[in-house]
Amino acid sequence: METHEHIPDFLMVYFHGEANEEQKQLAIEWLKSPENNKVFQQLKKIDSLTADLNLLRQFDLQEGKQQVRRKYRANKVVLISVWMQRIAAVLFIPALLGGIWYYLQQNELRKELNVLMVTQEIVTQPGTKTHLFLPDSTEVWLNAASSLKFPSAFAGNERRITLEGEAIFKVYKNKKKPFIVSTSSMEVEAVGTEFDVSAYLGDLKFSTTLAEGKVKITDRVKPDKVMFIDPGTQLNYDTQNKTYKAENVKVQDVIAWRDGVLIFNETPFYEVAAKLGRWFNADIQINDQSIANYRFTGTFTSESLDQVMDLLTLTTPISYSSSKRKVLDNRTFTKQHIKIMKRQL
């Protein structure tokens, strides 16, 4: 089977049963994604088709004719009608196989390869997150209420994906083919890097936080505006004022959501409400704008939404009201609606 540059090396050795333990684990993780597994099944089909084609190419028409002649000499007593049927059949087989070979080559293989180039989309619902590997072995953690679009095979001289929401990327290193995360406002380019991008539509702030390596950030409206950040730095984009600001942060606090932990560090309350809403699949509204910019610091791990809200009332000047979830006819649940007010003293 031909090895395509967009297929991870460890997958190919795993496919042929030659992987070591580390490569096996990488392949197993990569195949946990339903979309990646679909690509793997397509590869198996192509491998099977290629094997069939190789067998067809090995059929020797001249040798087939010689076999017919030898058979004729050894069986002169055979009736002429039977002899003609046999030679017709033998001569027909190469023609038939040749036709099959041409059809497979021109149609089936082309279809299989085209399947590998389709755009795929992974969507996480509010209250959920997912872990996946991209076709180049880049590891991705996709946060709640997010979507990620990517080709099932990275062709050309770049690896470009589209993100709406938040994700952590651990990029598979390839200096000749940079990895680009495209959002509605900016593009983040990396080679071999680990970083977090948060770009939820409707948020007042988009951010890129670098854990290791180096990234290049380009404004989509003003392509000449290019910025670079170092590890431990977060570049924030104000979606209203269209301005950028870099600051030093604790990267592990920013990416803690990957491990099921929400950490807030002097975070404006409107950001806290938005993150909790996506995390718990709830509609959280701040009814009093005087507390929207209140700064909150705290950590949540396994608490329920009601427990989180109760803890917030103990540490912040707020009160809240909450609706109960209802079961719909299709056995799904309505969102929990929470209204946050300033606590009356």
C-alpha atoms as a PDB file:
ATOM      1  CA  MET A   1       0.000   0.000   0.000  1.00  0.00           C
ATOM      2  CA  GLU A   2       1.269   3.455  -0.873  1.00  0.00           C
ATOM      3  CA  THR A   3       2.057   5.582   2.152  1.00  0.00           C
ATOM      4  CA  HIS A   4       0.586   9.081   1.934  1.00  0.00           C
ATOM      5  CA  GLU A   5       2.382  11.904   3.732  1.00  0.00           C
ATOM      6  CA  HIS A   6      -0.771  12.916   5.581  1.00  0.00           C
ATOM      7  CA  ILE A   7      -1.136   9.523   7.298  1.00  0.00           C
ATOM      8  CA  PRO A   8       0.720   9.316  10.669  1.00  0.00           C
ATOM      9  CA  ASP A   9       3.827   7.169  10.492  1.00  0.00           C
ATOM     10  CA  PHE A  10       2.865   5.228  13.595  1.00  0.00           C
ATOM     11  CA  LEU A  11      -0.485   4.341  11.999  1.00  0.00           C
ATOM     12  CA  MET A  12       1.184   2.841   8.950  1.00  0.00           C
ATOM     13  CA  VAL A  13       3.507   0.576  10.948  1.00  0.00           C
ATOM     14  CA  TYR A  14       0.545  -0.382  13.145  1.00  0.00           C
ATOM     15  CA  PHE A  15      -1.488  -1.149  10.017  1.00  0.00           C
ATOM     16  CA  HIS A  16       1.204  -3.541   8.778  1.00  0.00           C
ATOM     17  CA  GLY A  17       1.680  -5.175  12.208  1.00  0.00           C
ATOM     18  CA  GLU A  18       5.188  -3.785  12.713  1.00  0.00           C
ATOM     19  CA  ALA A  19       4.522  -1.235  15.485  1.00  0.00           C
ATOM     20  CA  ASN A  20       6.389  -1.148  18.781  1.00  0.00           C
ATOM     21  CA  GLU A  21       4.537  -0.623  22.074  1.00  0.00           C
ATOM     22  CA  GLU A  22       4.699   3.178  21.918  1.00  0.00           C
ATOM     23  CA  GLN A  23       3.426   3.223  18.335  1.00  0.00           C
ATOM     24  CA  LYS A  24       0.640   0.794  19.240  1.00  0.00           C
ATOM     25  CA  GLN A  25      -0.557   3.094  22.029  1.00  0.00           C
ATOM     26  CA  LEU A  26      -0.467   6.127  19.724  1.00  0.00           C
ATOM     27  CA  ALA A  27      -2.480   4.240  17.113  1.00  0.00           C
ATOM     28  CA  ILE A  28      -5.025   3.025  19.687  1.00  0.00           C
ATOM     29  CA  GLU A  29      -5.544   6.580  20.955  1.00  0.00           C
ATOM     30  CA  TRP A  30      -5.810   7.916  17.395  1.00  0.00           C
ATOM     31  CA  LEU A  31      -8.420   5.301  16.494  1.00  0.00           C
ATOM     32  CA  LYS A  32     -10.654   6.223  19.457  1.00  0.00           C
ATOM     33  CA  SER A  33     -12.004   9.052  17.351  1.00  0.00           C
ATOM     34  CA  PRO A  34     -14.934   7.786  15.212  1.00  0.00           C
ATOM     35  CA  GLU A  35     -13.784   9.964  12.321  1.00  0.00           C
ATOM     36  CA  ASN A  36     -10.198   8.678  12.553  1.00  0.00           C
ATOM     37  CA  ASN A  37     -11.520   5.121  12.662  1.00  0.00           C
ATOM     38  CA  LYS A  38     -13.523   5.834   9.499  1.00  0.00           C
ATOM     39  CA  VAL A  39     -10.310   6.949   7.786  1.00  0.00           C
ATOM     40  CA  PHE A  40      -8.619   3.758   8.979  1.00  0.00           C
ATOM     41  CA  GLN A  41     -11.389   1.635   7.442  1.00  0.00           C
ATOM     42  CA  GLN A  42     -10.997   3.520   4.165  1.00  0.00           C
ATOM     43  CA  LEU A  43      -7.266   2.762   4.228  1.00  0.00           C
ATOM     44  CA  LYS A  44      -8.036  -0.934   4.666  1.00  0.00           C
ATOM     45  CA  LYS A  45     -10.325  -0.829   1.628  1.00  0.00           C
ATOM     46  CA  ILE A  46      -7.666   0.895  -0.465  1.00  0.00           C
ATOM     47  CA  ASP A  47      -5.076  -1.634   0.662  1.00  0.00           C
ATOM     48  CA  SER A  48      -7.381  -4.473  -0.368  1.00  0.00           C
ATOM     49  CA  LEU A  49      -8.067  -2.872  -3.755  1.00  0.00           C
ATOM     50  CA  THR A  50      -4.375  -2.285  -4.342  1.00  0.00           C
ATOM     51  CA  ALA A  51      -3.619  -5.930  -3.574  1.00  0.00           C
ATOM     52  CA  ASP A  52      -6.250  -7.001  -6.099  1.00  0.00           C
ATOM     53  CA  LEU A  53      -4.781  -4.722  -8.724  1.00  0.00           C
ATOM     54  CA  ASN A  54      -1.301  -6.095  -8.134  1.00  0.00           C
ATOM     55  CA  LEU A  55      -2.706  -9.602  -8.679  1.00  0.00           C
ATOM     56  CA  LEU A  56      -4.390  -8.536 -11.897  1.00  0.00           C
ATOM     57  CA  ARG A  57      -1.212  -6.970 -13.214  1.00  0.00           C
ATOM     58  CA  GLN A  58       0.561 -10.298 -12.701  1.00  0.00           C
ATOM     59  CA  PHE A  59      -1.718 -12.086 -15.210  1.00  0.00           C
ATOM     60  CA  ASP A  60       0.304 -12.875 -18.347  1.00  0.00           C
ATOM     61  CA  LEU A  61      -1.799 -12.887 -21.531  1.00  0.00           C
ATOM     62  CA  GLN A  62       0.935 -14.557 -23.620  1.00  0.00           C
ATOM     63  CA  GLU A  63       1.344 -17.301 -21.063  1.00  0.00           C
ATOM     64  CA  GLY A  64      -2.421 -17.812 -21.164  1.00  0.00           C
ATOM     65  CA  LYS A  65      -2.256 -18.328 -24.931  1.00  0.00           C
ATOM     66  CA  GLN A  66       0.645 -20.783 -24.615  1.00  0.00           C
ATOM     67  CA  GLN A  67      -1.333 -22.775 -22.053  1.00  0.00           C
ATOM     68  CA  VAL A  68      -4.217 -23.001 -24.525  1.00  0.00           C
ATOM     69  CA  ARG A  69      -1.899 -24.261 -27.288  1.00  0.00           C
ATOM     70  CA  ARG A  70      -0.288 -26.859 -24.998  1.00  0.00           C
ATOM     71  CA  LYS A  71      -3.690 -28.019 -23.906  1.00  0.00           C
ATOM     72  CA  TYR A  72      -4.732 -28.368 -27.542  1.00  0.00           C
ATOM     73  CA  ARG A  73      -1.713 -30.530 -28.454  1.00  0.00           C
ATOM     74  CA  ALA A  74      -2.279 -32.833 -25.481  1.00  0.00           C
ATOM     75  CA  ASN A  75      -5.956 -33.317 -26.223  1.00  0.00           C
ATOM     76  CA  LYS A  76      -6.341 -33.603 -30.003  1.00  0.00           C
ATOM     77  CA  VAL A  77      -9.393 -35.805 -29.560  1.00  0.00           C
ATOM     78  CA  VAL A  78     -11.392 -33.033 -27.951  1.00  0.00           C
ATOM     79  CA  LEU A  79     -14.372 -31.960 -30.016  1.00  0.00           C
ATOM     80  CA  ILE A  80     -13.819 -28.771 -31.976  1.00  0.00           C
ATOM     81  CA  SER A  81     -16.842 -27.055 -30.381  1.00  0.00           C
ATOM     82  CA  VAL A  82     -15.563 -27.752 -26.862  1.00  0.00           C
ATOM     83  CA  TRP A  83     -12.060 -26.634 -27.871  1.00  0.00           C
ATOM     84  CA  MET A  84     -13.409 -23.340 -29.201  1.00  0.00           C
ATOM     85  CA  GLN A  85     -15.352 -22.727 -25.987  1.00  0.00           C
ATOM     86  CA  ARG A  86     -12.279 -23.303 -23.880  1.00  0.00           C
ATOM     87  CA  ILE A  87      -9.987 -21.081 -25.885  1.00  0.00           C
ATOM     88  CA  ALA A  88     -12.667 -18.373 -25.953  1.00  0.00           C
ATOM     89  CA  ALA A  89     -13.008 -18.623 -22.189  1.00  0.00           C
ATOM     90  CA  VAL A  90      -9.253 -18.447 -21.599  1.00  0.00           C
ATOM     91  CA  LEU A  91      -8.841 -15.499 -23.934  1.00  0.00           C
ATOM     92  CA  PHE A  92     -11.861 -13.792 -22.399  1.00  0.00           C
ATOM     93  CA  ILE A  93     -10.504 -13.965 -18.846  1.00  0.00           C
ATOM     94  CA  PRO A  94      -7.569 -11.565 -19.417  1.00  0.00           C
ATOM     95  CA  ALA A  95      -9.875  -9.156 -21.217  1.00  0.00           C
ATOM     96  CA  LEU A  96     -12.378  -9.344 -18.385  1.00  0.00           C
ATOM     97  CA  LEU A  97      -9.724  -8.924 -15.722  1.00  0.00           C
ATOM     98  CA  GLY A  98      -8.212  -6.059 -17.671  1.00  0.00           C
ATOM     99  CA  GLY A  99     -11.597  -4.358 -17.749  1.00  0.00           C
ATOM    100  CA  ILE A 100     -12.033  -4.891 -14.019  1.00  0.00           C
ATOM    101  CA  TRP A 101      -8.536  -3.542 -13.405  1.00  0.00           C
ATOM    102  CA  TYR A 102      -9.293  -0.399 -15.417  1.00  0.00           C
ATOM    103  CA  TYR A 103     -12.602   0.131 -13.618  1.00  0.00           C
ATOM    104  CA  LEU A 104     -11.061  -0.264 -10.172  1.00  0.00           C
ATOM    105  CA  GLN A 105      -8.156   1.969 -11.033  1.00  0.00           C
ATOM    106  CA  GLN A 106     -10.217   4.734 -12.591  1.00  0.00           C
ATOM    107  CA  ASN A 107     -13.231   4.635 -10.291  1.00  0.00           C
ATOM    108  CA  GLU A 108     -12.921   2.795  -7.002  1.00  0.00           C
ATOM    109  CA  LEU A 109      -9.468   4.009  -6.036  1.00  0.00           C
ATOM    110  CA  ARG A 110     -10.355   7.528  -6.997  1.00  0.00           C
ATOM    111  CA  LYS A 111     -13.481   7.362  -4.863  1.00  0.00           C
ATOM    112  CA  GLU A 112     -11.601   5.977  -1.877  1.00  0.00           C
ATOM    113  CA  LEU A 113      -8.931   8.654  -2.079  1.00  0.00           C
ATOM    114  CA  ASN A 114     -11.559  11.372  -2.439  1.00  0.00           C
ATOM    115  CA  VAL A 115     -13.246  10.153   0.739  1.00  0.00           C
ATOM    116  CA  LEU A 116     -10.014  10.756   2.596  1.00  0.00           C
ATOM    117  CA  MET A 117     -10.055  14.439   1.609  1.00  0.00           C
ATOM    118  CA  VAL A 118     -13.482  15.408   2.945  1.00  0.00           C
ATOM    119  CA  THR A 119     -13.912  18.049   5.653  1.00  0.00           C
ATOM    120  CA  GLN A 120     -14.847  16.636   9.034  1.00  0.00           C
ATOM    121  CA  GLU A 121     -16.450  18.426  11.976  1.00  0.00           C
ATOM    122  CA  ILE A 122     -16.366  17.518  15.654  1.00  0.00           C
ATOM    123  CA  VAL A 123     -18.946  19.265  17.846  1.00  0.00           C
ATOM    124  CA  THR A 124     -19.174  19.124  21.637  1.00  0.00           C
ATOM    125  CA  GLN A 125     -22.446  19.927  23.334  1.00  0.00           C
ATOM    126  CA  PRO A 126     -22.612  22.185  26.411  1.00  0.00           C
ATOM    127  CA  GLY A 127     -21.574  20.200  29.456  1.00  0.00           C
ATOM    128  CA  THR A 128     -19.299  17.856  27.490  1.00  0.00           C
ATOM    129  CA  LYS A 129     -15.749  17.798  26.135  1.00  0.00           C
ATOM    130  CA  THR A 130     -13.811  15.416  23.930  1.00  0.00           C
ATOM    131  CA  HIS A 131     -10.287  14.222  23.196  1.00  0.00           C
ATOM    132  CA  LEU A 132      -9.135  13.347  19.684  1.00  0.00           C
ATOM    133  CA  PHE A 133      -6.186  13.073  17.300  1.00  0.00           C
ATOM    134  CA  LEU A 134      -6.049  14.866  13.963  1.00  0.00           C
ATOM    135  CA  PRO A 135      -4.774  13.109  10.803  1.00  0.00           C
ATOM    136  CA  ASP A 136      -1.237  14.441  11.398  1.00  0.00           C
ATOM    137  CA  SER A 137      -1.186  13.028  14.992  1.00  0.00           C
ATOM    138  CA  THR A 138      -1.819  16.430  16.590  1.00  0.00           C
ATOM    139  CA  GLU A 139      -3.583  15.848  19.907  1.00  0.00           C
ATOM    140  CA  VAL A 140      -6.670  17.944  20.658  1.00  0.00           C
ATOM    141  CA  TRP A 141      -8.867  18.494  23.710  1.00  0.00           C
ATOM    142  CA  LEU A 142     -12.101  20.206  22.651  1.00  0.00           C
ATOM    143  CA  ASN A 143     -13.958  22.093  25.375  1.00  0.00           C
ATOM    144  CA  ALA A 144     -17.723  22.298  25.886  1.00  0.00           C
ATOM    145  CA  ALA A 145     -19.974  23.984  23.290  1.00  0.00           C
ATOM    146  CA  SER A 146     -17.175  24.028  20.694  1.00  0.00           C
ATOM    147  CA  SER A 147     -16.724  22.899  17.109  1.00  0.00           C
ATOM    148  CA  LEU A 148     -13.617  21.910  15.176  1.00  0.00           C
ATOM    149  CA  LYS A 149     -13.453  21.537  11.385  1.00  0.00           C
ATOM    150  CA  PHE A 150     -10.506  19.825   9.695  1.00  0.00           C
ATOM    151  CA  PRO A 151      -9.738  17.846   6.536  1.00  0.00           C
ATOM    152  CA  SER A 152      -9.402  14.110   6.925  1.00  0.00           C
ATOM    153  CA  ALA A 153      -6.029  14.488   5.195  1.00  0.00           C
ATOM    154  CA  PHE A 154      -3.719  17.508   5.307  1.00  0.00           C
ATOM    155  CA  ALA A 155      -2.664  18.205   1.724  1.00  0.00           C
ATOM    156  CA  GLY A 156      -0.520  21.086   0.462  1.00  0.00           C
ATOM    157  CA  ASN A 157       2.027  23.048   2.475  1.00  0.00           C
ATOM    158  CA  GLU A 158      -0.017  23.750   5.620  1.00  0.00           C
ATOM    159  CA  ARG A 159      -2.270  22.071   8.179  1.00  0.00           C
ATOM    160  CA  ARG A 160      -5.280  24.372   8.542  1.00  0.00           C
ATOM    161  CA  ILE A 161      -8.268  23.801  10.831  1.00  0.00           C
ATOM    162  CA  THR A 162     -11.169  25.996  11.958  1.00  0.00           C
ATOM    163  CA  LEU A 163     -12.168  26.462  15.594  1.00  0.00           C
ATOM    164  CA  GLU A 164     -15.228  27.968  17.196  1.00  0.00           C
ATOM    165  CA  GLY A 165     -15.008  27.683  20.969  1.00  0.00           C
ATOM    166  CA  GLU A 166     -12.022  26.484  22.980  1.00  0.00           C
ATOM    167  CA  ALA A 167      -9.439  23.769  22.469  1.00  0.00           C
ATOM    168  CA  ILE A 168      -5.978  22.734  23.581  1.00  0.00           C
ATOM    169  CA  PHE A 169      -3.610  21.619  20.834  1.00  0.00           C
ATOM    170  CA  LYS A 170      -0.471  19.535  21.206  1.00  0.00           C
ATOM    171  CA  VAL A 171       0.877  19.934  17.697  1.00  0.00           C
ATOM    172  CA  TYR A 172       2.749  17.162  15.893  1.00  0.00           C
ATOM    173  CA  LYS A 173       6.001  18.784  14.751  1.00  0.00           C
ATOM    174  CA  ASN A 174       6.469  19.397  11.041  1.00  0.00           C
ATOM    175  CA  LYS A 175       8.538  22.472  10.157  1.00  0.00           C
ATOM    176  CA  LYS A 176       7.722  22.178   6.473  1.00  0.00           C
ATOM    177  CA  LYS A 177       3.978  22.214   7.091  1.00  0.00           C
ATOM    178  CA  PRO A 178       2.878  24.731   9.784  1.00  0.00           C
ATOM    179  CA  PHE A 179      -0.259  24.080  11.818  1.00  0.00           C
ATOM    180  CA  ILE A 180      -2.825  26.898  11.621  1.00  0.00           C
ATOM    181  CA  VAL A 181      -5.887  27.385  13.831  1.00  0.00           C
ATOM    182  CA  SER A 182      -8.320  29.739  12.127  1.00  0.00           C
ATOM    183  CA  THR A 183     -10.939  31.585  14.226  1.00  0.00           C
ATOM    184  CA  SER A 184     -13.363  34.367  13.355  1.00  0.00           C
ATOM    185  CA  SER A 185     -10.858  37.071  14.343  1.00  0.00           C
ATOM    186  CA  MET A 186      -7.343  35.652  14.204  1.00  0.00           C
ATOM    187  CA  GLU A 187      -5.144  32.845  12.972  1.00  0.00           C
ATOM    188  CA  VAL A 188      -2.708  31.036  15.252  1.00  0.00           C
ATOM    189  CA  GLU A 189       0.227  29.362  13.521  1.00  0.00           C
ATOM    190  CA  ALA A 190       2.545  26.810  15.105  1.00  0.00           C
ATOM    191  CA  VAL A 191       4.997  24.080  14.146  1.00  0.00           C
ATOM    192  CA  GLY A 192       5.519  21.855  17.197  1.00  0.00           C
ATOM    193  CA  THR A 193       3.720  23.480  20.087  1.00  0.00           C
ATOM    194  CA  GLU A 194       1.206  23.097  22.921  1.00  0.00           C
ATOM    195  CA  PHE A 195      -1.291  25.912  23.322  1.00  0.00           C
ATOM    196  CA  ASP A 196      -4.885  26.819  24.175  1.00  0.00           C
ATOM    197  CA  VAL A 197      -7.171  28.885  21.953  1.00  0.00           C
ATOM    198  CA  SER A 198     -10.468  30.259  23.260  1.00  0.00           C
ATOM    199  CA  ALA A 199     -12.693  31.898  20.637  1.00  0.00           C
ATOM    200  CA  TYR A 200     -16.363  31.525  21.492  1.00  0.00           C
ATOM    201  CA  LEU A 201     -18.652  33.611  19.310  1.00  0.00           C
ATOM    202  CA  GLY A 202     -20.303  36.230  21.516  1.00  0.00           C
ATOM    203  CA  ASP A 203     -17.486  36.359  24.078  1.00  0.00           C
ATOM    204  CA  LEU A 204     -15.947  39.741  24.811  1.00  0.00           C
ATOM    205  CA  LYS A 205     -12.467  38.227  24.742  1.00  0.00           C
ATOM    206  CA  PHE A 206     -10.634  35.721  22.564  1.00  0.00           C
ATOM    207  CA  SER A 207      -7.345  34.353  23.868  1.00  0.00           C
ATOM    208  CA  THR A 208      -4.321  32.289  22.917  1.00  0.00           C
ATOM    209  CA  THR A 209      -2.270  30.806  25.757  1.00  0.00           C
ATOM    210  CA  LEU A 210       1.091  29.213  25.012  1.00  0.00           C
ATOM    211  CA  ALA A 211       2.336  26.267  27.090  1.00  0.00           C
ATOM    212  CA  GLU A 212       5.461  25.403  25.082  1.00  0.00           C
ATOM    213  CA  GLY A 213       7.067  26.200  21.749  1.00  0.00           C
ATOM    214  CA  LYS A 214       6.186  29.351  19.849  1.00  0.00           C
ATOM    215  CA  VAL A 215       3.156  30.615  17.978  1.00  0.00           C
ATOM    216  CA  LYS A 216       2.532  33.300  15.406  1.00  0.00           C
ATOM    217  CA  ILE A 217      -0.787  35.142  15.585  1.00  0.00           C
ATOM    218  CA  THR A 218      -2.182  37.067  12.632  1.00  0.00           C
ATOM    219  CA  ASP A 219      -5.196  39.374  12.677  1.00  0.00           C
ATOM    220  CA  ARG A 220      -7.631  38.227   9.994  1.00  0.00           C
ATOM    221  CA  VAL A 221      -8.888  41.754   9.254  1.00  0.00           C
ATOM    222  CA  LYS A 222      -5.411  43.297   9.285  1.00  0.00           C
ATOM    223  CA  PRO A 223      -3.043  40.602   7.952  1.00  0.00           C
ATOM    224  CA  ASP A 224      -0.057  42.890   8.416  1.00  0.00           C
ATOM    225  CA  LYS A 225      -0.638  42.809  12.187  1.00  0.00           C
ATOM    226  CA  VAL A 226       1.475  39.829  13.295  1.00  0.00           C
ATOM    227  CA  MET A 227       2.368  38.930  16.879  1.00  0.00           C
ATOM    228  CA  PHE A 228       4.520  36.263  18.540  1.00  0.00           C
ATOM    229  CA  ILE A 229       4.201  35.040  22.119  1.00  0.00           C
ATOM    230  CA  ASP A 230       6.448  32.973  24.366  1.00  0.00           C
ATOM    231  CA  PRO A 231       5.549  30.138  26.787  1.00  0.00           C
ATOM    232  CA  GLY A 232       3.643  31.342  29.845  1.00  0.00           C
ATOM    233  CA  THR A 233       2.043  34.187  27.895  1.00  0.00           C
ATOM    234  CA  GLN A 234      -1.603  34.754  27.034  1.00  0.00           C
ATOM    235  CA  LEU A 235      -2.559  37.094  24.206  1.00  0.00           C
ATOM    236  CA  ASN A 236      -6.065  38.501  24.645  1.00  0.00           C
ATOM    237  CA  TYR A 237      -8.136  40.045  21.892  1.00  0.00           C
ATOM    238  CA  ASP A 238     -10.878  42.490  22.892  1.00  0.00           C
ATOM    239  CA  THR A 239     -13.693  41.705  20.455  1.00  0.00           C
ATOM    240  CA  GLN A 240     -15.369  45.092  21.026  1.00  0.00           C
ATOM    241  CA  ASN A 241     -12.392  47.443  20.883  1.00  0.00           C
ATOM    242  CA  LYS A 242     -10.443  45.254  18.407  1.00  0.00           C
ATOM    243  CA  THR A 243      -7.285  45.512  20.522  1.00  0.00           C
ATOM    244  CA  TYR A 244      -4.688  42.983  21.728  1.00  0.00           C
ATOM    245  CA  LYS A 245      -3.041  42.687  25.118  1.00  0.00           C
ATOM    246  CA  ALA A 246      -0.419  40.168  26.274  1.00  0.00           C
ATOM    247  CA  GLU A 247      -0.006  39.081  29.890  1.00  0.00           C
ATOM    248  CA  ASN A 248       1.827  36.426  31.863  1.00  0.00           C
ATOM    249  CA  VAL A 249      -0.431  33.672  33.215  1.00  0.00           C
ATOM    250  CA  LYS A 250      -0.297  30.328  34.991  1.00  0.00           C
ATOM    251  CA  VAL A 251      -0.718  28.079  31.980  1.00  0.00           C
ATOM    252  CA  GLN A 252      -1.720  25.059  34.064  1.00  0.00           C
ATOM    253  CA  ASP A 253      -4.634  27.057  35.471  1.00  0.00           C
ATOM    254  CA  VAL A 254      -5.789  27.985  31.960  1.00  0.00           C
ATOM    255  CA  ILE A 255      -5.691  24.420  30.607  1.00  0.00           C
ATOM    256  CA  ALA A 256      -6.940  22.727  33.803  1.00  0.00           C
ATOM    257  CA  TRP A 257     -10.373  22.259  32.187  1.00  0.00           C
ATOM    258  CA  ARG A 258      -8.766  19.440  30.193  1.00  0.00           C
ATOM    259  CA  ASP A 259      -8.624  17.446  33.438  1.00  0.00           C
ATOM    260  CA  GLY A 260     -12.107  18.404  34.603  1.00  0.00           C
ATOM    261  CA  VAL A 261     -11.068  21.370  36.759  1.00  0.00           C
ATOM    262  CA  LEU A 262     -12.246  24.976  36.424  1.00  0.00           C
ATOM    263  CA  ILE A 263      -9.823  27.527  37.848  1.00  0.00           C
ATOM    264  CA  PHE A 264     -10.666  31.224  38.038  1.00  0.00           C
ATOM    265  CA  ASN A 265      -7.988  33.747  38.939  1.00  0.00           C
ATOM    266  CA  GLU A 266      -9.230  37.317  39.275  1.00  0.00           C
ATOM    267  CA  THR A 267     -11.670  36.505  36.483  1.00  0.00           C
ATOM    268  CA  PRO A 268     -14.448  39.000  35.622  1.00  0.00           C
ATOM    269  CA  PHE A 269     -17.798  37.632  36.714  1.00  0.00           C
ATOM    270  CA  TYR A 270     -19.265  37.793  33.213  1.00  0.00           C
ATOM    271  CA  GLU A 271     -16.552  35.339  32.115  1.00  0.00           C
ATOM    272  CA  VAL A 272     -17.266  33.118  35.110  1.00  0.00           C
ATOM    273  CA  ALA A 273     -20.965  32.998  34.212  1.00  0.00           C
ATOM    274  CA  ALA A 274     -20.239  32.197  30.554  1.00  0.00           C
ATOM    275  CA  LYS A 275     -17.814  29.376  31.404  1.00  0.00           C
ATOM    276  CA  LEU A 276     -20.121  27.859  34.016  1.00  0.00           C
ATOM    277  CA  GLY A 277     -23.008  27.994  31.543  1.00  0.00           C
ATOM    278  CA  ARG A 278     -21.060  26.045  28.920  1.00  0.00           C
ATOM    279  CA  TRP A 279     -19.585  23.684  31.493  1.00  0.00           C
ATOM    280  CA  PHE A 280     -22.960  22.712  32.999  1.00  0.00           C
ATOM    281  CA  ASN A 281     -25.198  23.235  29.948  1.00  0.00           C
ATOM    282  CA  ALA A 282     -27.131  26.017  31.676  1.00  0.00           C
ATOM    283  CA  ASP A 283     -28.397  29.462  30.740  1.00  0.00           C
ATOM    284  CA  ILE A 284     -26.820  31.832  33.281  1.00  0.00           C
ATOM    285  CA  GLN A 285     -27.793  35.485  33.097  1.00  0.00           C
ATOM    286  CA  ILE A 286     -26.417  38.392  35.133  1.00  0.00           C
ATOM    287  CA  ASN A 287     -29.353  40.696  35.817  1.00  0.00           C
ATOM    288  CA  ASP A 288     -27.324  43.374  37.600  1.00  0.00           C
ATOM    289  CA  GLN A 289     -24.468  44.731  35.481  1.00  0.00           C
ATOM    290  CA  SER A 290     -22.837  46.274  38.541  1.00  0.00           C
ATOM    291  CA  ILE A 291     -21.421  42.840  39.372  1.00  0.00           C
ATOM    292  CA  ALA A 292     -20.479  41.853  35.783  1.00  0.00           C
ATOM    293  CA  ASN A 293     -16.870  43.015  36.276  1.00  0.00           C
ATOM    294  CA  TYR A 294     -16.526  41.714  39.830  1.00  0.00           C
ATOM    295  CA  ARG A 295     -13.294  39.701  40.020  1.00  0.00           C
ATOM    296  CA  PHE A 296     -13.587  36.142  41.265  1.00  0.00           C
ATOM    297  CA  THR A 297     -10.911  33.659  42.324  1.00  0.00           C
ATOM    298  CA  GLY A 298     -11.742  30.028  43.003  1.00  0.00           C
ATOM    299  CA  THR A 299     -11.456  26.395  41.879  1.00  0.00           C
ATOM    300  CA  PHE A 300     -14.208  23.879  41.101  1.00  0.00           C
ATOM    301  CA  THR A 301     -13.709  20.176  40.498  1.00  0.00           C
ATOM    302  CA  SER A 302     -16.572  17.736  41.032  1.00  0.00           C
ATOM    303  CA  GLU A 303     -19.258  20.103  42.331  1.00  0.00           C
ATOM    304  CA  SER A 304     -22.731  20.226  40.773  1.00  0.00           C
ATOM    305  CA  LEU A 305     -24.047  23.503  39.375  1.00  0.00           C
ATOM    306  CA  ASP A 306     -26.272  24.062  42.418  1.00  0.00           C
ATOM    307  CA  GLN A 307     -23.290  23.477  44.714  1.00  0.00           C
ATOM    308  CA  VAL A 308     -21.179  25.917  42.678  1.00  0.00           C
ATOM    309  CA  MET A 309     -23.851  28.598  42.864  1.00  0.00           C
ATOM    310  CA  ASP A 310     -24.227  28.113  46.623  1.00  0.00           C
ATOM    311  CA  LEU A 311     -20.455  28.452  47.065  1.00  0.00           C
ATOM    312  CA  LEU A 312     -20.483  31.639  44.971  1.00  0.00           C
ATOM    313  CA  THR A 313     -23.073  33.210  47.246  1.00  0.00           C
ATOM    314  CA  LEU A 314     -20.733  32.597  50.179  1.00  0.00           C
ATOM    315  CA  THR A 315     -17.706  34.279  48.571  1.00  0.00           C
ATOM    316  CA  THR A 316     -19.207  36.967  46.305  1.00  0.00           C
ATOM    317  CA  PRO A 317     -21.852  39.679  46.738  1.00  0.00           C
ATOM    318  CA  ILE A 318     -24.496  37.810  44.727  1.00  0.00           C
ATOM    319  CA  SER A 319     -27.757  35.961  45.105  1.00  0.00           C
ATOM    320  CA  TYR A 320     -29.462  33.853  42.476  1.00  0.00           C
ATOM    321  CA  SER A 321     -32.681  32.161  41.431  1.00  0.00           C
ATOM    322  CA  SER A 322     -32.811  28.886  39.555  1.00  0.00           C
ATOM    323  CA  SER A 323     -35.362  26.939  37.537  1.00  0.00           C
ATOM    324  CA  LYS A 324     -35.652  23.177  37.602  1.00  0.00           C
ATOM    325  CA  ARG A 325     -34.903  21.099  34.543  1.00  0.00           C
ATOM    326  CA  LYS A 326     -37.857  19.490  32.787  1.00  0.00           C
ATOM    327  CA  VAL A 327     -38.029  16.233  30.867  1.00  0.00           C
ATOM    328  CA  LEU A 328     -39.175  16.704  27.274  1.00  0.00           C
ATOM    329  CA  ASP A 329     -41.154  14.241  25.143  1.00  0.00           C
ATOM    330  CA  ASN A 330     -37.976  13.027  23.443  1.00  0.00           C
ATOM    331  CA  ARG A 331     -36.491  12.185  26.884  1.00  0.00           C
ATOM    332  CA  THR A 332     -34.015  15.066  26.787  1.00  0.00           C
ATOM    333  CA  PHE A 333     -33.842  17.776  29.439  1.00  0.00           C
ATOM    334  CA  THR A 334     -34.359  21.502  29.247  1.00  0.00           C
ATOM    335  CA  LYS A 335     -31.535  23.805  30.228  1.00  0.00           C
ATOM    336  CA  GLN A 336     -31.376  25.009  33.783  1.00  0.00           C
ATOM    337  CA  HIS A 337     -31.995  28.786  33.872  1.00  0.00           C
ATOM    338  CA  ILE A 338     -30.178  30.840  36.490  1.00  0.00           C
ATOM    339  CA  LYS A 339     -30.527  34.543  37.191  1.00  0.00           C
ATOM    340  CA  ILE A 340     -27.758  36.258  39.160  1.00  0.00           C
ATOM    341  CA  MET A 341     -28.510  39.408  41.138  1.00  0.00           C
ATOM    342  CA  LYS A 342     -26.547  41.600  43.478  1.00  0.00           C
ATOM    343  CA  ARG A 343     -27.116  40.492  47.043  1.00  0.00           C
ATOM    344  CA  GLN A 344     -29.086  42.935  49.120  1.00  0.00           C
ATOM    345  CA  LEU A 345     -27.313  43.853  52.346  1.00  0.00           C
END
